[in-house]
Amino acid sequence: MLNDILNASKTDARLAALLDEAREYSQIYFLAKQRHRGCEGTGELMSLCEEFRDAIGKLVKHCEEKGYPCDISANDTDAAARELIS
């Protein structure tokens, strides 16, 4: 499905910007999650997780409004981060 979004982003500047934002947040979230140990930094990780979910939500909402296929879910942040990073 990400290929469909990538193709659509070539002609939709707003989608391209939202995709870039979601990718940036996915990289930051994924790195923070890998570095997270115990309770240290839990608040920061939760904030990053929420920001990442918001970025995914905006991307999904735009795709729905424009009729683009999108199966990225803000509910499974780890899976979404892996998909956006690849």
N, C-alpha and C. Protein backbone atom coordinates (compact mmCIF):
# COMPACT_ATOMS: atom_id res chain seq x y z
N MET A 1 0.81 -1.20 0.00
CA MET A 1 0.00 0.00 0.00
C MET A 1 0.85 1.26 0.00
N LEU A 2 2.00 1.20 0.61
CA LEU A 2 2.85 2.38 0.66
C LEU A 2 3.24 2.81 -0.75
N ASN A 3 3.38 1.85 -1.65
CA ASN A 3 3.70 2.20 -3.04
C ASN A 3 2.60 3.05 -3.65
N ASP A 4 1.35 2.75 -3.33
CA ASP A 4 0.23 3.56 -3.83
C ASP A 4 0.32 4.99 -3.31
N ILE A 5 0.67 5.12 -2.05
CA ILE A 5 0.80 6.46 -1.45
C ILE A 5 1.98 7.19 -2.07
N LEU A 6 3.08 6.48 -2.27
CA LEU A 6 4.26 7.10 -2.90
C LEU A 6 3.93 7.59 -4.30
N ASN A 7 3.23 6.78 -5.07
CA ASN A 7 2.85 7.19 -6.42
C ASN A 7 1.93 8.40 -6.40
N ALA A 8 0.96 8.39 -5.51
CA ALA A 8 0.03 9.51 -5.41
C ALA A 8 0.73 10.78 -4.94
N SER A 9 1.75 10.63 -4.12
CA SER A 9 2.46 11.81 -3.59
C SER A 9 3.24 12.55 -4.66
N LYS A 10 3.46 11.91 -5.80
CA LYS A 10 4.17 12.58 -6.90
C LYS A 10 3.35 13.71 -7.50
N THR A 11 2.03 13.59 -7.39
CA THR A 11 1.16 14.61 -7.97
C THR A 11 0.36 15.37 -6.91
N ASP A 12 0.55 15.04 -5.66
CA ASP A 12 -0.17 15.68 -4.56
C ASP A 12 0.85 16.21 -3.55
N ALA A 13 1.10 17.51 -3.62
CA ALA A 13 2.13 18.13 -2.78
C ALA A 13 1.79 17.99 -1.29
N ARG A 14 0.52 18.11 -0.95
CA ARG A 14 0.11 17.99 0.47
C ARG A 14 0.38 16.58 0.97
N LEU A 15 0.07 15.58 0.17
CA LEU A 15 0.33 14.19 0.54
C LEU A 15 1.82 13.96 0.69
N ALA A 16 2.62 14.52 -0.20
CA ALA A 16 4.08 14.37 -0.13
C ALA A 16 4.61 14.96 1.18
N ALA A 17 4.10 16.13 1.56
CA ALA A 17 4.54 16.77 2.80
C ALA A 17 4.13 15.95 4.02
N LEU A 18 2.90 15.43 4.01
CA LEU A 18 2.43 14.61 5.14
C LEU A 18 3.21 13.31 5.23
N LEU A 19 3.55 12.74 4.10
CA LEU A 19 4.34 11.50 4.08
C LEU A 19 5.74 11.76 4.61
N ASP A 20 6.35 12.88 4.22
CA ASP A 20 7.68 13.23 4.74
C ASP A 20 7.63 13.42 6.25
N GLU A 21 6.59 14.11 6.73
CA GLU A 21 6.45 14.35 8.16
C GLU A 21 6.30 13.02 8.91
N ALA A 22 5.46 12.14 8.40
CA ALA A 22 5.24 10.84 9.04
C ALA A 22 6.52 10.01 9.04
N ARG A 23 7.28 10.08 7.96
CA ARG A 23 8.55 9.34 7.90
C ARG A 23 9.56 9.87 8.91
N GLU A 24 9.64 11.19 9.03
CA GLU A 24 10.55 11.77 10.01
C GLU A 24 10.19 11.34 11.42
N TYR A 25 8.91 11.43 11.75
CA TYR A 25 8.47 11.01 13.07
C TYR A 25 8.69 9.52 13.28
N SER A 26 8.53 8.71 12.24
CA SER A 26 8.73 7.27 12.39
C SER A 26 10.19 6.97 12.71
N GLN A 27 11.11 7.68 12.08
CA GLN A 27 12.53 7.46 12.36
C GLN A 27 12.88 7.89 13.78
N ILE A 28 12.38 9.04 14.19
CA ILE A 28 12.65 9.53 15.55
C ILE A 28 12.05 8.58 16.59
N TYR A 29 10.80 8.18 16.37
CA TYR A 29 10.13 7.27 17.30
C TYR A 29 10.88 5.94 17.39
N PHE A 30 11.25 5.39 16.25
CA PHE A 30 11.91 4.09 16.23
C PHE A 30 13.26 4.15 16.95
N LEU A 31 14.03 5.20 16.71
CA LEU A 31 15.32 5.35 17.39
C LEU A 31 15.13 5.52 18.90
N ALA A 32 14.17 6.33 19.29
CA ALA A 32 13.90 6.54 20.72
C ALA A 32 13.46 5.24 21.38
N LYS A 33 12.66 4.48 20.69
CA LYS A 33 12.18 3.22 21.25
C LYS A 33 13.33 2.23 21.43
N GLN A 34 14.24 2.21 20.48
CA GLN A 34 15.40 1.32 20.58
C GLN A 34 16.31 1.71 21.74
N ARG A 35 16.41 2.98 22.03
CA ARG A 35 17.29 3.47 23.09
C ARG A 35 16.63 3.44 24.46
N HIS A 36 15.33 3.25 24.49
CA HIS A 36 14.57 3.30 25.75
C HIS A 36 14.95 2.12 26.64
N ARG A 37 15.27 2.42 27.89
CA ARG A 37 15.63 1.39 28.86
C ARG A 37 14.86 1.66 30.15
N GLY A 38 14.11 0.70 30.58
CA GLY A 38 13.40 0.84 31.85
C GLY A 38 12.46 2.03 31.86
N CYS A 39 12.42 2.73 32.97
CA CYS A 39 11.53 3.88 33.12
C CYS A 39 12.17 5.17 32.63
N GLU A 40 13.46 5.15 32.40
CA GLU A 40 14.16 6.36 31.97
C GLU A 40 13.67 6.82 30.60
N GLY A 41 13.23 8.05 30.51
CA GLY A 41 12.78 8.61 29.25
C GLY A 41 11.39 8.18 28.83
N THR A 42 10.64 7.58 29.72
CA THR A 42 9.31 7.09 29.36
C THR A 42 8.40 8.23 28.91
N GLY A 43 8.46 9.36 29.59
CA GLY A 43 7.62 10.50 29.21
C GLY A 43 7.95 11.01 27.83
N GLU A 44 9.23 11.09 27.52
CA GLU A 44 9.65 11.55 26.20
C GLU A 44 9.19 10.57 25.12
N LEU A 45 9.33 9.29 25.39
CA LEU A 45 8.92 8.27 24.43
C LEU A 45 7.41 8.35 24.18
N MET A 46 6.65 8.55 25.24
CA MET A 46 5.19 8.66 25.07
C MET A 46 4.82 9.90 24.27
N SER A 47 5.53 11.00 24.48
CA SER A 47 5.28 12.22 23.71
C SER A 47 5.60 12.00 22.24
N LEU A 48 6.73 11.35 21.97
CA LEU A 48 7.10 11.05 20.59
C LEU A 48 6.07 10.12 19.93
N CYS A 49 5.60 9.17 20.71
CA CYS A 49 4.59 8.23 20.20
C CYS A 49 3.32 8.98 19.81
N GLU A 50 2.89 9.91 20.64
CA GLU A 50 1.68 10.69 20.34
C GLU A 50 1.88 11.58 19.11
N GLU A 51 3.05 12.20 19.02
CA GLU A 51 3.33 13.04 17.85
C GLU A 51 3.36 12.20 16.58
N PHE A 52 3.93 11.01 16.68
CA PHE A 52 3.97 10.10 15.53
C PHE A 52 2.56 9.67 15.14
N ARG A 53 1.75 9.34 16.13
CA ARG A 53 0.35 8.95 15.85
C ARG A 53 -0.41 10.10 15.19
N ASP A 54 -0.17 11.32 15.64
CA ASP A 54 -0.82 12.49 15.03
C ASP A 54 -0.41 12.63 13.57
N ALA A 55 0.88 12.44 13.29
CA ALA A 55 1.37 12.54 11.91
C ALA A 55 0.74 11.47 11.03
N ILE A 56 0.64 10.26 11.55
CA ILE A 56 0.00 9.17 10.80
C ILE A 56 -1.48 9.49 10.60
N GLY A 57 -2.13 9.99 11.63
CA GLY A 57 -3.54 10.34 11.54
C GLY A 57 -3.81 11.36 10.45
N LYS A 58 -2.95 12.39 10.37
CA LYS A 58 -3.11 13.41 9.32
C LYS A 58 -2.93 12.80 7.94
N LEU A 59 -1.95 11.90 7.82
CA LEU A 59 -1.69 11.23 6.54
C LEU A 59 -2.88 10.37 6.13
N VAL A 60 -3.38 9.58 7.06
CA VAL A 60 -4.53 8.70 6.78
C VAL A 60 -5.77 9.53 6.43
N LYS A 61 -6.01 10.59 7.18
CA LYS A 61 -7.17 11.45 6.91
C LYS A 61 -7.11 12.05 5.51
N HIS A 62 -5.94 12.52 5.12
CA HIS A 62 -5.79 13.09 3.78
C HIS A 62 -6.04 12.02 2.71
N CYS A 63 -5.50 10.83 2.94
CA CYS A 63 -5.70 9.74 1.98
C CYS A 63 -7.19 9.40 1.86
N GLU A 64 -7.88 9.36 2.98
CA GLU A 64 -9.32 9.06 2.95
C GLU A 64 -10.09 10.15 2.21
N GLU A 65 -9.74 11.40 2.46
CA GLU A 65 -10.43 12.52 1.80
C GLU A 65 -10.21 12.51 0.29
N LYS A 66 -9.02 12.10 -0.13
CA LYS A 66 -8.69 12.08 -1.55
C LYS A 66 -9.00 10.75 -2.23
N GLY A 67 -9.36 9.75 -1.45
CA GLY A 67 -9.69 8.44 -2.01
C GLY A 67 -8.48 7.58 -2.34
N TYR A 68 -7.34 7.89 -1.70
CA TYR A 68 -6.14 7.07 -1.91
C TYR A 68 -6.20 5.86 -0.99
N PRO A 69 -5.77 4.70 -1.49
CA PRO A 69 -5.73 3.53 -0.61
C PRO A 69 -4.65 3.72 0.45
N CYS A 70 -4.99 3.41 1.70
CA CYS A 70 -4.03 3.59 2.80
C CYS A 70 -4.36 2.61 3.90
N ASP A 71 -3.43 1.73 4.21
CA ASP A 71 -3.68 0.77 5.28
C ASP A 71 -2.75 0.97 6.46
N ILE A 72 -2.14 2.15 6.55
CA ILE A 72 -1.29 2.47 7.69
C ILE A 72 -2.19 2.79 8.88
N SER A 73 -1.88 2.21 10.01
CA SER A 73 -2.72 2.39 11.19
C SER A 73 -1.94 3.09 12.30
N ALA A 74 -2.56 4.10 12.88
CA ALA A 74 -1.95 4.79 14.02
C ALA A 74 -2.05 3.95 15.29
N ASN A 75 -2.86 2.90 15.27
CA ASN A 75 -3.02 2.05 16.45
C ASN A 75 -1.81 1.16 16.69
N ASP A 76 -1.14 0.74 15.63
CA ASP A 76 0.05 -0.10 15.76
C ASP A 76 1.26 0.73 15.33
N THR A 77 1.76 1.54 16.25
CA THR A 77 2.83 2.48 15.92
C THR A 77 4.11 1.77 15.50
N ASP A 78 4.42 0.64 16.09
CA ASP A 78 5.64 -0.07 15.71
C ASP A 78 5.58 -0.56 14.27
N ALA A 79 4.45 -1.13 13.89
CA ALA A 79 4.29 -1.62 12.51
C ALA A 79 4.31 -0.45 11.52
N ALA A 80 3.65 0.64 11.88
CA ALA A 80 3.63 1.81 11.02
C ALA A 80 5.03 2.39 10.85
N ALA A 81 5.79 2.44 11.94
CA ALA A 81 7.17 2.96 11.87
C ALA A 81 8.02 2.09 10.97
N ARG A 82 7.92 0.77 11.12
CA ARG A 82 8.70 -0.13 10.27
C ARG A 82 8.34 0.04 8.80
N GLU A 83 7.05 0.19 8.51
CA GLU A 83 6.61 0.32 7.14
C GLU A 83 7.09 1.64 6.53
N LEU A 84 7.02 2.71 7.27
CA LEU A 84 7.42 4.01 6.76
C LEU A 84 8.94 4.15 6.62
N ILE A 85 9.68 3.45 7.46
CA ILE A 85 11.14 3.53 7.39
C ILE A 85 11.67 2.74 6.21
N SER A 86 11.04 1.65 5.88
CA SER A 86 11.54 0.80 4.78
C SER A 86 11.39 1.43 3.44
